[in-house]
Protein backbone atom coordinates (compact mmCIF):
# COMPACT_ATOMS: atom_id res chain seq x y z
CA MET A 1 100.35 -64.87 -7.97
CA PRO A 2 101.65 -65.73 -4.49
CA THR A 3 105.08 -64.39 -3.63
CA THR A 4 106.82 -67.58 -2.59
CA ILE A 5 110.34 -68.25 -1.42
CA ALA A 6 112.60 -69.67 -4.12
CA ASN A 7 116.04 -69.36 -2.55
CA ILE A 8 117.85 -68.25 0.60
CA ARG A 9 121.40 -66.94 0.43
CA ALA A 10 123.57 -66.11 3.46
CA THR A 11 126.90 -64.27 3.25
CA PRO A 12 129.17 -63.72 6.26
CA VAL A 13 130.92 -60.35 6.35
CA THR A 14 133.47 -58.61 8.56
CA VAL A 15 133.16 -54.82 8.91
CA PRO A 16 135.89 -52.91 10.80
CA LEU A 17 135.28 -50.85 13.94
CA GLU A 18 137.08 -47.65 14.86
CA ALA A 19 138.67 -49.52 17.78
CA PRO A 20 138.18 -52.79 19.73
CA LEU A 21 135.23 -52.57 22.15
CA LEU A 22 135.52 -54.14 25.61
CA HIS A 23 132.66 -55.68 27.55
CA SER A 24 132.20 -57.86 30.61
CA ASN A 25 132.65 -61.15 28.75
CA GLY A 26 135.46 -60.21 26.38
CA ALA A 27 135.61 -57.89 23.40
CA HIS A 28 134.66 -57.09 19.86
CA TRP A 29 138.07 -57.52 18.29
CA GLY A 30 138.12 -54.39 16.16
CA ARG A 31 135.43 -55.66 13.83
CA PHE A 32 131.89 -57.01 13.65
CA VAL A 33 131.13 -60.34 12.03
CA ARG A 34 127.58 -60.36 10.65
CA THR A 35 125.64 -62.63 8.30
CA ILE A 36 123.71 -60.93 5.49
CA VAL A 37 120.66 -62.89 4.39
CA GLU A 38 118.89 -62.58 1.05
CA VAL A 39 115.52 -64.22 0.43
CA GLU A 40 114.64 -64.53 -3.25
CA THR A 41 111.09 -65.13 -4.43
CA ALA A 42 109.74 -66.93 -7.46
CA ASP A 43 108.37 -63.65 -8.83
CA GLY A 44 111.68 -61.80 -8.66
CA TYR A 45 111.84 -59.98 -5.35
CA VAL A 46 114.86 -60.02 -3.04
CA GLY A 47 114.44 -59.22 0.65
CA LEU A 48 117.26 -58.44 3.08
CA GLY A 49 117.94 -59.78 6.56
CA GLU A 50 120.87 -59.74 8.95
CA MET A 51 122.12 -61.80 11.87
CA GLY A 52 125.02 -61.39 14.27
CA GLY A 53 128.10 -63.56 13.93
CA GLY A 54 127.59 -67.03 12.58
CA GLY A 55 130.09 -67.13 9.76
CA GLU A 56 130.16 -70.42 7.87
CA ASP A 57 127.92 -72.07 10.47
CA ALA A 58 125.14 -69.56 9.87
CA THR A 59 125.57 -69.94 6.12
CA ARG A 60 124.99 -73.68 6.45
CA ALA A 61 122.08 -73.17 8.85
CA PHE A 62 120.23 -70.88 6.45
CA ALA A 63 120.91 -73.24 3.55
CA GLY A 64 119.42 -76.04 5.63
CA LEU A 65 116.18 -74.11 6.07
CA LEU A 66 115.51 -73.83 2.35
CA SER A 67 113.89 -77.26 2.33
CA TYR A 68 111.48 -76.03 5.03
CA LEU A 69 110.61 -72.80 3.26
CA LYS A 70 110.90 -73.27 -0.50
CA GLY A 71 107.49 -72.40 -1.93
CA HIS A 72 106.37 -70.70 1.29
CA ASP A 73 104.31 -67.52 0.89
CA VAL A 74 106.31 -64.61 2.36
CA PHE A 75 103.07 -63.06 3.63
CA ALA A 76 102.37 -66.14 5.81
CA LEU A 77 104.66 -65.06 8.64
CA GLU A 78 102.89 -66.87 11.48
CA ALA A 79 103.02 -70.11 9.50
CA MET A 80 106.74 -69.53 8.89
CA ARG A 81 107.30 -69.03 12.60
CA PHE A 82 105.83 -72.42 13.42
CA ALA A 83 107.53 -74.08 10.45
CA ILE A 84 110.98 -73.29 11.81
CA CYS A 85 110.47 -72.20 15.46
CA ASN A 86 107.85 -74.55 16.85
CA PRO A 87 108.39 -74.10 20.62
CA THR A 88 108.72 -77.79 21.42
CA ALA A 89 110.92 -78.52 18.40
CA SER A 90 113.07 -75.54 19.47
CA LEU A 91 114.04 -77.43 22.60
CA TYR A 92 116.28 -79.42 20.28
CA ASN A 93 117.09 -76.85 17.58
CA ASN A 94 116.59 -73.21 18.56
CA ARG A 95 116.33 -71.09 15.42
CA THR A 96 115.10 -67.82 16.94
CA GLN A 97 117.84 -65.65 15.48
CA LEU A 98 117.65 -67.38 12.10
CA HIS A 99 113.92 -66.72 12.09
CA ALA A 100 114.51 -63.04 12.85
CA ALA A 101 116.70 -62.56 9.76
CA LEU A 102 114.17 -64.37 7.58
CA GLU A 103 111.29 -62.32 9.01
CA PHE A 104 113.19 -59.12 8.20
CA ALA A 105 113.63 -60.29 4.61
CA CYS A 106 109.99 -61.33 4.21
CA LEU A 107 108.77 -57.98 5.54
CA ASP A 108 111.18 -56.27 3.16
CA ILE A 109 109.68 -58.22 0.25
CA MET A 110 106.11 -57.50 1.37
CA GLY A 111 106.85 -53.79 1.49
CA GLN A 112 108.51 -53.83 -1.91
CA LYS A 113 105.62 -55.70 -3.50
CA LEU A 114 102.98 -53.41 -1.96
CA GLY A 115 105.04 -50.25 -2.47
CA VAL A 116 105.00 -49.30 1.21
CA PRO A 117 107.63 -49.08 3.98
CA VAL A 118 107.73 -51.83 6.58
CA HIS A 119 106.41 -49.49 9.26
CA ALA A 120 103.17 -49.21 7.25
CA LEU A 121 102.75 -52.99 7.52
CA LEU A 122 103.18 -52.78 11.29
CA GLY A 123 100.49 -50.21 12.04
CA GLY A 124 102.08 -47.04 10.73
CA LYS A 125 104.83 -44.88 12.15
CA LEU A 126 104.19 -42.61 15.12
CA ARG A 127 107.52 -40.80 14.83
CA ASP A 128 109.72 -39.79 11.93
CA VAL A 129 113.03 -40.23 13.76
CA VAL A 130 114.30 -42.51 16.52
CA ASP A 131 116.57 -41.01 19.17
CA PHE A 132 119.77 -42.85 20.09
CA ALA A 133 122.15 -42.89 23.05
CA SER A 134 125.88 -42.46 22.55
CA TYR A 135 126.72 -46.04 23.69
CA LEU A 136 130.22 -45.61 25.11
CA PHE A 137 132.68 -48.46 25.56
CA PHE A 138 136.04 -48.88 27.15
CA ARG A 139 138.26 -49.51 24.13
CA TYR A 140 141.72 -50.62 23.15
CA ALA A 141 143.50 -48.27 20.76
CA ASN A 142 143.20 -49.06 17.10
CA PRO A 143 146.26 -51.28 16.50
CA GLU A 144 147.18 -49.60 13.19
CA ALA A 145 146.67 -45.95 14.08
CA GLY A 146 147.32 -46.22 17.82
CA GLU A 147 144.28 -44.00 18.45
CA GLY A 148 140.90 -44.40 20.08
CA GLU A 149 141.81 -45.85 23.50
CA VAL A 150 139.18 -45.32 26.20
CA ARG A 151 140.49 -46.46 29.58
CA THR A 152 140.63 -43.44 31.89
CA PRO A 153 137.89 -41.04 33.03
CA GLU A 154 139.53 -38.29 30.98
CA GLN A 155 139.54 -40.41 27.82
CA LEU A 156 135.89 -41.39 28.38
CA VAL A 157 134.80 -37.78 28.83
CA ALA A 158 136.72 -36.70 25.72
CA HIS A 159 135.24 -39.53 23.65
CA ALA A 160 131.70 -38.69 24.78
CA ALA A 161 132.25 -35.02 23.93
CA ALA A 162 133.52 -35.94 20.46
CA LEU A 163 130.53 -38.17 19.77
CA LYS A 164 128.14 -35.51 21.00
CA ALA A 165 129.77 -32.92 18.76
CA LYS A 166 129.62 -35.25 15.75
CA HIS A 167 126.21 -36.87 16.20
CA GLY A 168 124.28 -34.71 18.68
CA PHE A 169 123.62 -37.29 21.41
CA THR A 170 121.91 -36.10 24.59
CA SER A 171 121.57 -39.57 26.18
CA HIS A 172 124.68 -41.51 27.10
CA LYS A 173 125.20 -45.19 27.92
CA LEU A 174 128.38 -46.65 29.39
CA LYS A 175 129.09 -50.31 28.78
CA GLY A 176 130.90 -51.50 31.91
CA GLY A 177 131.83 -54.72 33.64
CA VAL A 178 135.45 -54.43 32.45
CA TYR A 179 137.36 -52.66 35.25
CA PRO A 180 136.78 -52.80 39.04
CA PRO A 181 133.29 -51.48 39.87
CA MET A 182 134.45 -48.51 41.94
CA TYR A 183 136.80 -47.45 39.13
CA GLU A 184 133.91 -47.59 36.66
CA LEU A 185 131.78 -45.64 39.14
CA ALA A 186 134.38 -42.85 39.04
CA CYS A 187 134.32 -42.95 35.22
CA TYR A 188 130.52 -42.82 35.11
CA ARG A 189 130.38 -39.92 37.54
CA ALA A 190 133.00 -38.03 35.54
CA LEU A 191 130.90 -38.58 32.41
CA ALA A 192 127.75 -37.26 34.08
CA THR A 193 129.58 -34.25 35.49
CA SER A 194 130.92 -33.38 32.05
CA LEU A 195 127.43 -33.34 30.48
CA PRO A 196 125.14 -31.63 33.02
CA GLY A 197 121.41 -32.06 32.56
CA GLU A 198 121.68 -34.95 30.10
CA ARG A 199 120.52 -38.55 30.55
CA PHE A 200 122.67 -41.55 31.44
CA ARG A 201 122.57 -45.32 31.79
CA TYR A 202 125.10 -47.92 32.92
CA ASP A 203 125.29 -51.55 31.76
CA PRO A 204 127.86 -53.99 33.22
CA ASN A 205 126.25 -57.02 31.52
CA CYS A 206 125.34 -58.75 34.80
CA ALA A 207 128.97 -58.77 35.99
CA LEU A 208 128.42 -57.21 39.42
CA SER A 209 127.82 -59.02 42.67
CA LEU A 210 124.75 -57.93 44.60
CA ALA A 211 127.01 -56.08 47.05
CA ASP A 212 128.85 -54.25 44.25
CA ALA A 213 125.56 -53.40 42.52
CA ILE A 214 124.15 -51.93 45.73
CA ALA A 215 127.27 -49.83 46.26
CA PHE A 216 127.34 -48.70 42.62
CA GLY A 217 123.60 -47.92 42.59
CA LYS A 218 123.84 -45.82 45.73
CA GLY A 219 126.85 -44.05 44.22
CA ILE A 220 124.87 -42.85 41.18
CA ALA A 221 121.59 -42.00 42.90
CA ASP A 222 122.06 -38.26 42.27
CA ILE A 223 122.61 -38.69 38.51
CA ARG A 224 119.80 -38.42 35.94
CA ASN A 225 119.75 -42.15 35.23
CA ASP A 226 117.40 -43.62 32.65
CA TYR A 227 117.92 -47.01 34.27
CA PHE A 228 120.42 -49.42 35.82
CA GLU A 229 120.83 -52.04 33.08
CA ASP A 230 121.59 -55.68 33.95
CA PRO A 231 123.73 -54.91 37.00
CA VAL A 232 123.33 -58.48 38.34
CA TRP A 233 122.38 -61.80 36.82
CA GLY A 234 118.90 -63.24 37.17
CA MET A 235 115.42 -61.99 37.86
CA GLN A 236 115.53 -62.77 41.56
CA GLN A 237 118.75 -60.83 42.11
CA MET A 238 117.36 -57.91 40.09
CA LYS A 239 114.32 -57.92 42.34
CA ARG A 240 116.46 -58.15 45.47
CA LEU A 241 118.60 -55.21 44.32
CA LYS A 242 115.53 -52.97 44.14
CA GLU A 243 115.06 -53.37 47.89
CA PHE A 244 118.29 -51.42 48.38
CA VAL A 245 118.63 -49.20 45.30
CA PRO A 246 115.68 -47.03 44.16
CA LEU A 247 116.64 -46.92 40.48
CA PRO A 248 114.66 -48.29 37.52
CA THR A 249 116.16 -51.54 36.28
CA ALA A 250 116.40 -52.67 32.67
CA THR A 251 117.37 -55.88 30.90
CA ASN A 252 118.10 -57.52 27.61
CA SER A 253 119.47 -60.63 29.38
CA VAL A 254 116.87 -62.07 31.72
CA VAL A 255 113.70 -61.11 29.80
CA ILE A 256 114.10 -62.10 26.15
CA ASP A 257 110.99 -64.18 25.53
CA PHE A 258 107.33 -64.19 26.47
CA GLU A 259 107.62 -66.76 29.28
CA GLN A 260 110.23 -64.60 30.98
CA LEU A 261 108.14 -61.50 30.33
CA ALA A 262 105.15 -63.10 32.05
CA GLU A 263 107.29 -64.04 35.05
CA ASN A 264 108.64 -60.51 35.24
CA VAL A 265 105.12 -59.12 35.26
CA ARG A 266 104.38 -61.37 38.24
CA ASN A 267 107.45 -60.55 40.31
CA GLY A 268 108.27 -56.97 39.29
CA ALA A 269 112.02 -57.48 38.95
CA VAL A 270 112.66 -55.32 35.87
CA ASP A 271 111.10 -51.99 34.96
CA VAL A 272 112.30 -51.50 31.37
CA ILE A 273 112.42 -54.26 28.75
CA LEU A 274 115.04 -53.75 26.04
CA LEU A 275 113.61 -55.16 22.83
CA ASP A 276 116.08 -56.59 20.33
CA THR A 277 114.76 -57.49 16.89
CA THR A 278 117.24 -60.40 16.71
CA PHE A 279 117.05 -61.78 20.25
CA TRP A 280 113.23 -61.75 20.26
CA GLY A 281 113.05 -63.41 16.84
CA GLY A 282 111.94 -60.52 14.66
CA ILE A 283 110.27 -57.11 14.55
CA ARG A 284 106.78 -58.48 15.08
CA PRO A 285 107.55 -60.28 18.37
CA CYS A 286 109.11 -57.05 19.67
CA ILE A 287 105.94 -55.12 18.88
CA LYS A 288 103.85 -57.82 20.53
CA ALA A 289 106.08 -57.67 23.63
CA ALA A 290 105.82 -53.87 23.66
CA GLY A 291 102.05 -54.25 23.80
CA VAL A 292 102.30 -56.54 26.81
CA CYS A 293 104.62 -54.04 28.48
CA GLU A 294 102.19 -51.21 27.76
CA THR A 295 99.38 -53.20 29.36
CA PHE A 296 101.34 -53.89 32.54
CA GLY A 297 103.05 -50.53 32.87
CA LEU A 298 106.59 -51.55 31.90
CA GLY A 299 108.90 -49.30 29.93
CA VAL A 300 110.46 -50.37 26.63
CA ALA A 301 113.53 -49.34 24.65
CA VAL A 302 115.27 -50.53 21.49
CA HIS A 303 118.27 -52.76 22.17
CA SER A 304 121.36 -53.16 19.98
CA SER A 305 123.14 -56.46 19.39
CA GLY A 306 125.78 -54.99 17.07
CA GLU A 307 124.09 -54.02 13.83
CA LEU A 308 124.91 -53.09 10.29
CA GLY A 309 122.48 -50.99 8.27
CA ILE A 310 120.00 -53.78 7.51
CA GLN A 311 119.30 -54.61 11.13
CA LEU A 312 119.46 -50.93 12.03
CA ALA A 313 116.56 -50.44 9.61
CA THR A 314 114.56 -53.07 11.50
CA MET A 315 115.29 -51.21 14.75
CA LEU A 316 114.10 -47.96 13.18
CA HIS A 317 110.86 -49.43 11.86
CA MET A 318 110.17 -51.06 15.22
CA GLY A 319 110.99 -47.88 17.12
CA ALA A 320 108.77 -45.86 14.80
CA VAL A 321 105.58 -47.82 15.50
CA VAL A 322 105.84 -48.60 19.23
CA PRO A 323 103.78 -45.99 21.12
CA ASN A 324 105.33 -46.63 24.54
CA LEU A 325 108.95 -46.13 23.51
CA GLY A 326 110.18 -44.01 26.40
CA TYR A 327 113.96 -43.98 26.00
CA ALA A 328 116.63 -43.31 23.41
CA ALA A 329 117.61 -46.47 21.53
CA ASP A 330 120.95 -48.23 21.76
CA ALA A 331 123.18 -48.69 18.72
CA HIS A 332 126.76 -49.80 18.17
CA TYR A 333 126.39 -48.23 14.74
CA HIS A 334 128.59 -45.15 15.22
CA HIS A 335 131.58 -47.37 16.12
CA LEU A 336 131.62 -48.80 12.57
CA VAL A 337 133.83 -47.36 9.86
CA ASP A 338 131.58 -48.50 6.98
CA ASP A 339 128.43 -50.41 6.05
CA VAL A 340 127.16 -52.79 3.38
CA ILE A 341 124.22 -50.64 2.27
CA VAL A 342 124.11 -48.25 -0.67
CA GLY A 343 125.12 -44.75 0.38
CA GLY A 344 127.14 -45.91 3.37
CA PRO A 345 126.13 -45.59 7.04
CA LEU A 346 122.79 -43.92 7.77
CA PRO A 347 123.46 -40.46 9.25
CA TYR A 348 122.62 -39.20 12.70
CA GLU A 349 120.77 -35.89 12.90
CA GLY A 350 120.67 -34.32 16.36
CA GLY A 351 121.27 -37.67 18.05
CA ALA A 352 118.54 -39.38 15.99
CA ILE A 353 118.27 -41.39 12.78
CA ARG A 354 115.44 -40.85 10.33
CA VAL A 355 113.05 -43.77 9.79
CA PRO A 356 113.24 -45.04 6.17
CA ASP A 357 110.15 -44.35 4.07
CA ALA A 358 111.14 -46.20 0.88
CA PRO A 359 109.32 -49.48 0.17
CA GLY A 360 110.32 -52.41 2.37
CA LEU A 361 113.08 -51.87 4.89
CA GLY A 362 114.18 -48.87 2.86
CA VAL A 363 117.83 -49.89 2.48
CA THR A 364 119.60 -51.45 -0.51
CA LEU A 365 122.51 -53.85 -0.46
CA ASP A 366 125.76 -52.50 -1.90
CA ARG A 367 127.09 -55.60 -3.64
CA ALA A 368 130.61 -54.24 -4.00
CA LYS A 369 130.74 -53.66 -0.24
CA LEU A 370 129.21 -57.09 0.39
CA LEU A 371 131.98 -58.69 -1.66
CA GLN A 372 134.69 -56.53 -0.06
CA TYR A 373 133.67 -57.41 3.50
CA HIS A 374 133.00 -61.05 2.67
CA GLU A 375 136.59 -61.24 1.46
CA LEU A 376 137.72 -59.60 4.70
CA PHE A 377 135.80 -62.27 6.61
CA ARG A 378 137.52 -64.97 4.60
CA GLU A 379 140.88 -63.34 5.37
CA LEU A 380 140.40 -62.76 9.11
CA GLY A 381 137.81 -65.36 10.08
CA GLY A 382 135.69 -64.97 13.17
CA TYR A 383 136.72 -64.00 16.68
CA PRO A 384 135.62 -65.29 20.11
CA TYR A 385 133.15 -62.72 21.49
CA ASP A 386 133.65 -64.18 24.98
CA ARG A 387 137.42 -63.67 25.08
CA ASP A 388 139.58 -60.58 25.58
CA PRO A 389 142.58 -60.40 23.19
CA GLY A 390 144.48 -58.41 25.80
CA ARG A 391 144.11 -61.10 28.48
CA PRO A 392 144.84 -64.51 26.93
CA GLY A 393 143.43 -67.37 29.00
CA TRP A 394 141.10 -65.06 30.94
CA TYR A 395 137.40 -65.71 31.33
CA PRO A 396 134.91 -64.05 33.69
CA LEU A 397 132.81 -65.37 36.52
CA ILE A 398 129.24 -64.28 37.18
CA PRO A 399 129.39 -62.30 39.39
CA ASN A 400 132.87 -61.35 38.32
CA ASP A 401 135.94 -60.52 40.37
CA ARG A 402 138.53 -60.91 37.60
CA TRP A 403 138.71 -57.32 36.44
CA ALA A 404 141.05 -55.77 33.89
CA ASP A 405 143.71 -53.43 35.28
CA PRO A 406 142.82 -49.81 34.40
CA ASN A 407 146.42 -48.72 35.01
CA VAL A 408 147.71 -50.77 32.08
CA SER A 409 147.41 -49.58 28.48
CA LEU A 410 147.32 -52.51 26.05
CA ARG A 411 147.36 -52.81 22.28
CA PRO A 412 146.80 -56.53 21.62
CA ARG A 413 146.95 -58.33 18.32
CA LEU A 414 143.50 -58.95 16.85
CA THR A 415 144.06 -62.02 14.66
């Protein structure tokens, strides 16, 4: 009997963070808003997916796709891709991230039905654990507890040390683009000095001018850098930067589909492609892109777009099967205070997370937590990712010159 789609259910949730996370375009306002997707089949299986943000809009979007997919065989993934992401139709209605969540759920169902983990469907795992970087942010203090601020070099070093002690990280990523570039350079150098012999990466989300990126790159040349991630916007500027700064470049911004990947192969702008199971439209496109990168000598790493445990599982299965994974993965995961999966957040062990071996994605939805954090979403609503609650009316330029003031400690309201 074919395992066909009978229903699609999407539930927006809000899960608190330890503290608000700052980035070049705004902030995560002390919480993540995610959409949990459940695909039910006619023969009784339920597969899990996840998508960033969305709220009520994503709920309606997934409901609207049921007419496309009701009765569709969950094993027919290529047919599903064209049913909802035909490349010419997508010029009018891009559903890439919706497709990713549905692909996760279908793979979960396939694994459950066959009694195998998703990584077995993707060629089999090559590693039992996936290493992760610490992923450090400048942060506002938690507004209730008044703790957790990261604004000064000393606070950054202390936060990195605490995360290392708790989770075992040996690779460290600083999300920048918040404060003036030379201030962030001092923070990054202080971080590297405090953790001698470990690996580092800096990501200002394309906020730097070419001149600032050159100065910053030259200022970190003596550090053990994995790569210089999205220092400037656009493939041509990334290529131009490499004429002045001999550091590997990486991106999750200017190479996020196969057309851009082909162009990057031609012009050599970016050395490491950061594969995101949501941005690329699923686990399978990421593995396909990793194969292209392997062929043309490009590095790959696992990118984070702000996951709960369901998407983290997709990152783990992808990271387990990609042979040319050369860097620790990114994850926002350790900034969360809870999760919506049974057993709570997946644990770090020596800076790594174990790849699930249970059938499907290997995680189970905790329905009490789903209800709890759906109610929190209904109470708080969404938040504008591209706004900073501490700077009302502010918005950035690309390249930016409207930096936050590192001498001012703020504790803004988050509603």
